[in-house]
Amino acid sequence: MRRDAAIDNAITSVSGLQTETRGFASGYADQVTSDWRSYVTAKNDGVPLF
């Protein structure tokens, strides 16, 4: 079975997949924004980020 076919067969709800994908992307974007703010603050304060 091709990988694409396996993925297609695993998707039982297109709208559910869309909702899950949007949720993941939104959460990831929020984390990237938070990480960027932490980086900028650390850089401006002259301290290591971690």
PDB file of N, CA and C in Angstrom:
ATOM      1  N   MET A   1       0.849  -1.186   0.000  1.00  0.00           N
ATOM      2  CA  MET A   1       0.000   0.000   0.000  1.00  0.00           C
ATOM      3  C   MET A   1       0.893   1.247   0.000  1.00  0.00           C
ATOM      4  N   ARG A   2       0.569   2.159  -0.870  1.00  0.00           N
ATOM      5  CA  ARG A   2       1.303   3.429  -0.905  1.00  0.00           C
ATOM      6  C   ARG A   2       1.054   4.197   0.383  1.00  0.00           C
ATOM      7  N   ARG A   3       2.025   4.966   0.775  1.00  0.00           N
ATOM      8  CA  ARG A   3       1.857   5.767   1.999  1.00  0.00           C
ATOM      9  C   ARG A   3       0.675   6.710   1.885  1.00  0.00           C
ATOM     10  N   ASP A   4       0.527   7.364   0.739  1.00  0.00           N
ATOM     11  CA  ASP A   4      -0.597   8.295   0.571  1.00  0.00           C
ATOM     12  C   ASP A   4      -1.923   7.575   0.756  1.00  0.00           C
ATOM     13  N   ALA A   5      -2.022   6.372   0.229  1.00  0.00           N
ATOM     14  CA  ALA A   5      -3.264   5.606   0.365  1.00  0.00           C
ATOM     15  C   ALA A   5      -3.501   5.248   1.827  1.00  0.00           C
ATOM     16  N   ALA A   6      -2.447   4.901   2.536  1.00  0.00           N
ATOM     17  CA  ALA A   6      -2.590   4.573   3.956  1.00  0.00           C
ATOM     18  C   ALA A   6      -3.085   5.780   4.734  1.00  0.00           C
ATOM     19  N   ILE A   7      -2.562   6.940   4.420  1.00  0.00           N
ATOM     20  CA  ILE A   7      -3.008   8.169   5.092  1.00  0.00           C
ATOM     21  C   ILE A   7      -4.458   8.459   4.734  1.00  0.00           C
ATOM     22  N   ASP A   8      -4.770   8.363   3.443  1.00  0.00           N
ATOM     23  CA  ASP A   8      -6.155   8.597   3.014  1.00  0.00           C
ATOM     24  C   ASP A   8      -7.121   7.656   3.725  1.00  0.00           C
ATOM     25  N   ASN A   9      -6.739   6.406   3.862  1.00  0.00           N
ATOM     26  CA  ASN A   9      -7.598   5.427   4.510  1.00  0.00           C
ATOM     27  C   ASN A   9      -7.738   5.689   6.013  1.00  0.00           C
ATOM     28  N   ALA A  10      -6.749   6.322   6.610  1.00  0.00           N
ATOM     29  CA  ALA A  10      -6.783   6.599   8.044  1.00  0.00           C
ATOM     30  C   ALA A  10      -7.651   7.808   8.378  1.00  0.00           C
ATOM     31  N   ILE A  11      -7.867   8.670   7.400  1.00  0.00           N
ATOM     32  CA  ILE A  11      -8.681   9.867   7.626  1.00  0.00           C
ATOM     33  C   ILE A  11     -10.149   9.484   7.550  1.00  0.00           C
ATOM     34  N   THR A  12     -10.813   9.580   8.667  1.00  0.00           N
ATOM     35  CA  THR A  12     -12.230   9.224   8.693  1.00  0.00           C
ATOM     36  C   THR A  12     -13.125  10.449   8.610  1.00  0.00           C
ATOM     37  N   SER A  13     -12.542  11.627   8.827  1.00  0.00           N
ATOM     38  CA  SER A  13     -13.337  12.854   8.806  1.00  0.00           C
ATOM     39  C   SER A  13     -12.474  13.988   8.275  1.00  0.00           C
ATOM     40  N   VAL A  14     -12.796  14.460   7.073  1.00  0.00           N
ATOM     41  CA  VAL A  14     -12.028  15.568   6.497  1.00  0.00           C
ATOM     42  C   VAL A  14     -12.174  16.813   7.357  1.00  0.00           C
ATOM     43  N   SER A  15     -13.384  17.107   7.810  1.00  0.00           N
ATOM     44  CA  SER A  15     -13.569  18.298   8.646  1.00  0.00           C
ATOM     45  C   SER A  15     -12.827  18.144   9.968  1.00  0.00           C
ATOM     46  N   GLY A  16     -12.779  16.919  10.501  1.00  0.00           N
ATOM     47  CA  GLY A  16     -12.022  16.681  11.729  1.00  0.00           C
ATOM     48  C   GLY A  16     -10.539  16.894  11.515  1.00  0.00           C
ATOM     49  N   LEU A  17     -10.044  16.445  10.372  1.00  0.00           N
ATOM     50  CA  LEU A  17      -8.628  16.646  10.044  1.00  0.00           C
ATOM     51  C   LEU A  17      -8.327  18.131   9.899  1.00  0.00           C
ATOM     52  N   GLN A  18      -9.213  18.845   9.241  1.00  0.00           N
ATOM     53  CA  GLN A  18      -9.014  20.286   9.076  1.00  0.00           C
ATOM     54  C   GLN A  18      -8.994  20.987  10.437  1.00  0.00           C
ATOM     55  N   THR A  19      -9.902  20.629  11.308  1.00  0.00           N
ATOM     56  CA  THR A  19      -9.954  21.230  12.646  1.00  0.00           C
ATOM     57  C   THR A  19      -8.688  20.905  13.427  1.00  0.00           C
ATOM     58  N   GLU A  20      -8.271  19.644  13.366  1.00  0.00           N
ATOM     59  CA  GLU A  20      -7.057  19.241  14.081  1.00  0.00           C
ATOM     60  C   GLU A  20      -5.824  19.948  13.527  1.00  0.00           C
ATOM     61  N   THR A  21      -5.739  20.068  12.206  1.00  0.00           N
ATOM     62  CA  THR A  21      -4.604  20.735  11.574  1.00  0.00           C
ATOM     63  C   THR A  21      -4.559  22.215  11.949  1.00  0.00           C
ATOM     64  N   ARG A  22      -5.720  22.862  11.917  1.00  0.00           N
ATOM     65  CA  ARG A  22      -5.775  24.281  12.313  1.00  0.00           C
ATOM     66  C   ARG A  22      -5.361  24.455  13.772  1.00  0.00           C
ATOM     67  N   GLY A  23      -5.846  23.578  14.633  1.00  0.00           N
ATOM     68  CA  GLY A  23      -5.490  23.663  16.050  1.00  0.00           C
ATOM     69  C   GLY A  23      -3.999  23.493  16.269  1.00  0.00           C
ATOM     70  N   PHE A  24      -3.411  22.518  15.571  1.00  0.00           N
ATOM     71  CA  PHE A  24      -1.972  22.294  15.686  1.00  0.00           C
ATOM     72  C   PHE A  24      -1.197  23.511  15.185  1.00  0.00           C
ATOM     73  N   ALA A  25      -1.586  24.017  14.016  1.00  0.00           N
ATOM     74  CA  ALA A  25      -0.880  25.157  13.426  1.00  0.00           C
ATOM     75  C   ALA A  25      -0.998  26.400  14.304  1.00  0.00           C
ATOM     76  N   SER A  26      -2.169  26.626  14.857  1.00  0.00           N
ATOM     77  CA  SER A  26      -2.370  27.796  15.714  1.00  0.00           C
ATOM     78  C   SER A  26      -1.531  27.689  16.990  1.00  0.00           C
ATOM     79  N   GLY A  27      -1.536  26.524  17.600  1.00  0.00           N
ATOM     80  CA  GLY A  27      -0.726  26.317  18.802  1.00  0.00           C
ATOM     81  C   GLY A  27       0.759  26.459  18.518  1.00  0.00           C
ATOM     82  N   TYR A  28       1.180  25.939  17.367  1.00  0.00           N
ATOM     83  CA  TYR A  28       2.591  26.032  16.980  1.00  0.00           C
ATOM     84  C   TYR A  28       2.977  27.496  16.755  1.00  0.00           C
ATOM     85  N   ALA A  29       2.115  28.240  16.081  1.00  0.00           N
ATOM     86  CA  ALA A  29       2.386  29.664  15.839  1.00  0.00           C
ATOM     87  C   ALA A  29       2.470  30.431  17.148  1.00  0.00           C
ATOM     88  N   ASP A  30       1.585  30.116  18.090  1.00  0.00           N
ATOM     89  CA  ASP A  30       1.639  30.769  19.403  1.00  0.00           C
ATOM     90  C   ASP A  30       2.972  30.484  20.097  1.00  0.00           C
ATOM     91  N   GLN A  31       3.437  29.231  20.008  1.00  0.00           N
ATOM     92  CA  GLN A  31       4.704  28.862  20.644  1.00  0.00           C
ATOM     93  C   GLN A  31       5.878  29.573  19.982  1.00  0.00           C
ATOM     94  N   VAL A  32       5.867  29.662  18.659  1.00  0.00           N
ATOM     95  CA  VAL A  32       6.937  30.364  17.941  1.00  0.00           C
ATOM     96  C   VAL A  32       6.965  31.831  18.353  1.00  0.00           C
ATOM     97  N   THR A  33       5.801  32.452  18.466  1.00  0.00           N
ATOM     98  CA  THR A  33       5.729  33.853  18.884  1.00  0.00           C
ATOM     99  C   THR A  33       6.292  34.014  20.299  1.00  0.00           C
ATOM    100  N   SER A  34       5.924  33.121  21.189  1.00  0.00           N
ATOM    101  CA  SER A  34       6.430  33.174  22.558  1.00  0.00           C
ATOM    102  C   SER A  34       7.950  32.984  22.596  1.00  0.00           C
ATOM    103  N   ASP A  35       8.440  32.017  21.825  1.00  0.00           N
ATOM    104  CA  ASP A  35       9.885  31.775  21.763  1.00  0.00           C
ATOM    105  C   ASP A  35      10.618  33.004  21.232  1.00  0.00           C
ATOM    106  N   TRP A  36      10.058  33.643  20.204  1.00  0.00           N
ATOM    107  CA  TRP A  36      10.686  34.831  19.620  1.00  0.00           C
ATOM    108  C   TRP A  36      10.746  35.960  20.648  1.00  0.00           C
ATOM    109  N   ARG A  37       9.668  36.163  21.367  1.00  0.00           N
ATOM    110  CA  ARG A  37       9.649  37.218  22.388  1.00  0.00           C
ATOM    111  C   ARG A  37      10.692  36.946  23.469  1.00  0.00           C
ATOM    112  N   SER A  38      10.810  35.686  23.872  1.00  0.00           N
ATOM    113  CA  SER A  38      11.820  35.318  24.874  1.00  0.00           C
ATOM    114  C   SER A  38      13.219  35.581  24.354  1.00  0.00           C
ATOM    115  N   TYR A  39      13.448  35.240  23.095  1.00  0.00           N
ATOM    116  CA  TYR A  39      14.753  35.469  22.476  1.00  0.00           C
ATOM    117  C   TYR A  39      15.084  36.957  22.446  1.00  0.00           C
ATOM    118  N   VAL A  40      14.141  37.768  21.988  1.00  0.00           N
ATOM    119  CA  VAL A  40      14.373  39.212  21.885  1.00  0.00           C
ATOM    120  C   VAL A  40      14.645  39.811  23.263  1.00  0.00           C
ATOM    121  N   THR A  41      13.873  39.405  24.254  1.00  0.00           N
ATOM    122  CA  THR A  41      14.080  39.907  25.622  1.00  0.00           C
ATOM    123  C   THR A  41      15.470  39.536  26.124  1.00  0.00           C
ATOM    124  N   ALA A  42      15.857  38.274  25.942  1.00  0.00           N
ATOM    125  CA  ALA A  42      17.178  37.828  26.397  1.00  0.00           C
ATOM    126  C   ALA A  42      18.282  38.585  25.661  1.00  0.00           C
ATOM    127  N   LYS A  43      18.117  38.749  24.354  1.00  0.00           N
ATOM    128  CA  LYS A  43      19.131  39.461  23.557  1.00  0.00           C
ATOM    129  C   LYS A  43      19.252  40.917  24.035  1.00  0.00           C
ATOM    130  N   ASN A  44      18.124  41.566  24.213  1.00  0.00           N
ATOM    131  CA  ASN A  44      18.140  42.967  24.636  1.00  0.00           C
ATOM    132  C   ASN A  44      18.706  43.124  26.046  1.00  0.00           C
ATOM    133  N   ASP A  45      18.502  42.118  26.888  1.00  0.00           N
ATOM    134  CA  ASP A  45      19.027  42.173  28.258  1.00  0.00           C
ATOM    135  C   ASP A  45      20.461  41.679  28.353  1.00  0.00           C
ATOM    136  N   GLY A  46      20.976  41.148  27.241  1.00  0.00           N
ATOM    137  CA  GLY A  46      22.363  40.675  27.217  1.00  0.00           C
ATOM    138  C   GLY A  46      22.576  39.414  28.029  1.00  0.00           C
ATOM    139  N   VAL A  47      21.553  38.570  28.131  1.00  0.00           N
ATOM    140  CA  VAL A  47      21.662  37.329  28.895  1.00  0.00           C
ATOM    141  C   VAL A  47      21.399  36.139  27.967  1.00  0.00           C
ATOM    142  N   PRO A  48      21.932  34.964  28.343  1.00  0.00           N
ATOM    143  CA  PRO A  48      21.639  33.781  27.541  1.00  0.00           C
ATOM    144  C   PRO A  48      20.148  33.456  27.576  1.00  0.00           C
ATOM    145  N   LEU A  49      19.657  32.908  26.504  1.00  0.00           N
ATOM    146  CA  LEU A  49      18.237  32.560  26.436  1.00  0.00           C
ATOM    147  C   LEU A  49      17.930  31.399  27.369  1.00  0.00           C
ATOM    148  N   PHE A  50      18.832  30.429  27.418  1.00  0.00           N
ATOM    149  CA  PHE A  50      18.608  29.264  28.297  1.00  0.00           C
ATOM    150  C   PHE A  50      19.752  29.111  29.247  1.00  0.00           C
TER     151      PHE A  50
END
